[in-house]
């Protein structure tokens, strides 16, 4: 099953309520994730651009999108960024596949260098 990293920022109002109520917000997100066939592997508070980091496992790729939409629509999430995670063997396979791809980048402009004679 694919793993995902979700970086979540609360709205200011939601963050204030979390602090005031001392709620376990990780338990609050467990049921919706599990209802979409997912499983929380790890959760952390992050003291940076995002407030929460969650590592989840889903049976397919559409469920993480569904959970991101649901959390955002609830009004407490200001921003959510979900990233598909690859294990080492999956990353190597992706690199091998990219190596046989027929994509060609656009030509780069040539820079003429004038020489002083």
Protein backbone atom coordinates (compact mmCIF):
# COMPACT_ATOMS: atom_id res chain seq x y z
CA UNK A 1 0.00 0.00 0.00
CA UNK A 2 1.31 3.47 -0.85
CA UNK A 3 2.58 5.78 1.90
CA UNK A 4 1.90 9.51 2.01
CA UNK A 5 3.29 12.44 3.96
CA UNK A 6 0.64 15.05 4.83
CA UNK A 7 1.83 18.47 5.95
CA UNK A 8 -1.04 20.35 7.56
CA UNK A 9 -1.43 23.97 8.66
CA UNK A 10 -4.31 24.92 10.92
CA UNK A 11 -6.15 28.21 10.65
CA UNK A 12 -5.34 30.65 13.45
CA UNK A 13 -8.78 30.05 14.96
CA UNK A 14 -8.37 26.27 14.89
CA UNK A 15 -4.89 26.46 16.42
CA UNK A 16 -6.26 28.62 19.25
CA UNK A 17 -8.99 26.05 19.92
CA UNK A 18 -6.48 23.19 19.90
CA UNK A 19 -4.37 24.96 22.52
CA UNK A 20 -7.34 26.00 24.68
CA UNK A 21 -9.05 22.59 24.61
CA UNK A 22 -5.89 20.47 24.81
CA UNK A 23 -7.53 18.03 22.41
CA UNK A 24 -5.80 15.11 20.77
CA UNK A 25 -6.29 16.19 17.16
CA UNK A 26 -4.56 13.05 15.95
CA UNK A 27 -7.42 10.92 17.29
CA UNK A 28 -9.90 13.25 15.55
CA UNK A 29 -8.33 12.56 12.15
CA UNK A 30 -7.93 8.82 12.65
CA UNK A 31 -11.58 7.88 11.96
CA UNK A 32 -11.93 9.84 8.66
CA UNK A 33 -8.65 8.40 7.39
CA UNK A 34 -9.68 4.87 8.33
CA UNK A 35 -13.12 5.35 6.73
CA UNK A 36 -11.33 5.89 3.40
CA UNK A 37 -9.27 2.73 3.82
CA UNK A 38 -6.20 4.47 5.21
CA UNK A 39 -4.07 3.92 8.28
CA UNK A 40 -2.05 6.45 10.26
CA UNK A 41 1.55 5.28 10.64
CA UNK A 42 2.92 8.29 12.54
CA UNK A 43 1.88 11.80 13.57
CA UNK A 44 3.91 14.75 14.78
CA UNK A 45 3.44 18.38 15.68
CA UNK A 46 5.84 20.47 13.61
CA UNK A 47 7.11 23.85 14.68
CA UNK A 48 7.70 25.31 11.24
CA UNK A 49 5.64 26.22 8.18
CA UNK A 50 3.21 23.39 8.92
CA UNK A 51 1.60 22.53 12.27
CA UNK A 52 1.16 18.78 11.82
CA UNK A 53 2.98 16.07 9.91
CA UNK A 54 1.17 12.76 9.36
CA UNK A 55 2.48 9.66 7.63
CA UNK A 56 -0.39 7.56 6.31
CA UNK A 57 -0.86 4.44 4.26
CA UNK A 58 -3.72 4.16 1.77
CA UNK A 59 -4.86 1.34 -0.49
CA UNK A 60 -4.95 3.59 -3.55
CA UNK A 61 -4.04 7.11 -4.66
CA UNK A 62 -7.47 8.79 -4.68
CA UNK A 63 -8.14 8.49 -0.94
CA UNK A 64 -5.38 10.92 0.13
CA UNK A 65 -6.90 13.49 -2.21
CA UNK A 66 -10.32 12.85 -0.70
CA UNK A 67 -9.03 13.33 2.84
CA UNK A 68 -7.23 16.55 1.87
CA UNK A 69 -10.45 17.94 0.37
CA UNK A 70 -12.51 16.87 3.40
CA UNK A 71 -10.10 18.41 5.90
CA UNK A 72 -9.84 21.64 3.94
CA UNK A 73 -13.62 21.89 3.56
CA UNK A 74 -14.05 21.49 7.34
CA UNK A 75 -12.66 25.00 7.88
CA UNK A 76 -9.91 24.19 10.41
CA UNK A 77 -7.19 23.45 7.86
CA UNK A 78 -5.60 26.43 6.16
CA UNK A 79 -3.33 24.33 3.97
CA UNK A 80 -2.61 20.66 3.39
CA UNK A 81 0.16 19.28 1.22
CA UNK A 82 0.17 15.54 0.52
CA UNK A 83 3.19 13.83 -1.01
CA UNK A 84 3.38 10.23 -2.23
CA UNK A 85 6.36 8.54 -0.59
CA UNK A 86 8.51 5.97 -2.35
CA UNK A 87 10.62 3.29 -0.73
CA UNK A 88 14.21 2.87 -1.94
CA UNK A 89 13.34 0.08 -4.41
CA UNK A 90 10.35 2.05 -5.74
CA UNK A 91 12.51 5.15 -6.23
CA UNK A 92 15.15 3.13 -8.09
CA UNK A 93 12.46 1.64 -10.34
CA UNK A 94 11.10 5.14 -11.06
CA UNK A 95 14.62 6.30 -11.97
CA UNK A 96 15.10 3.31 -14.29
CA UNK A 97 11.75 4.05 -15.96
CA UNK A 98 12.68 7.70 -16.40
CA UNK A 99 15.90 6.63 -18.10
CA UNK A 100 14.03 5.01 -21.00
CA UNK A 101 11.53 7.84 -21.38
CA UNK A 102 11.54 9.55 -24.78
CA UNK A 103 10.94 13.05 -23.37
CA UNK A 104 13.21 15.69 -24.85
CA UNK A 105 13.54 19.09 -23.15
CA UNK A 106 13.04 22.30 -25.08
CA UNK A 107 16.21 23.65 -26.69
CA UNK A 108 18.12 26.04 -24.49
CA UNK A 109 19.17 29.41 -25.95
CA UNK A 110 22.80 29.46 -26.89
CA UNK A 111 24.85 32.17 -25.32
CA UNK A 112 27.42 33.65 -27.65
CA UNK A 113 30.63 34.57 -26.01
CA UNK A 114 32.45 37.39 -27.72
CA UNK A 115 36.17 37.08 -27.71
CA UNK A 116 38.42 40.09 -27.72
CA UNK A 117 40.89 39.98 -30.57
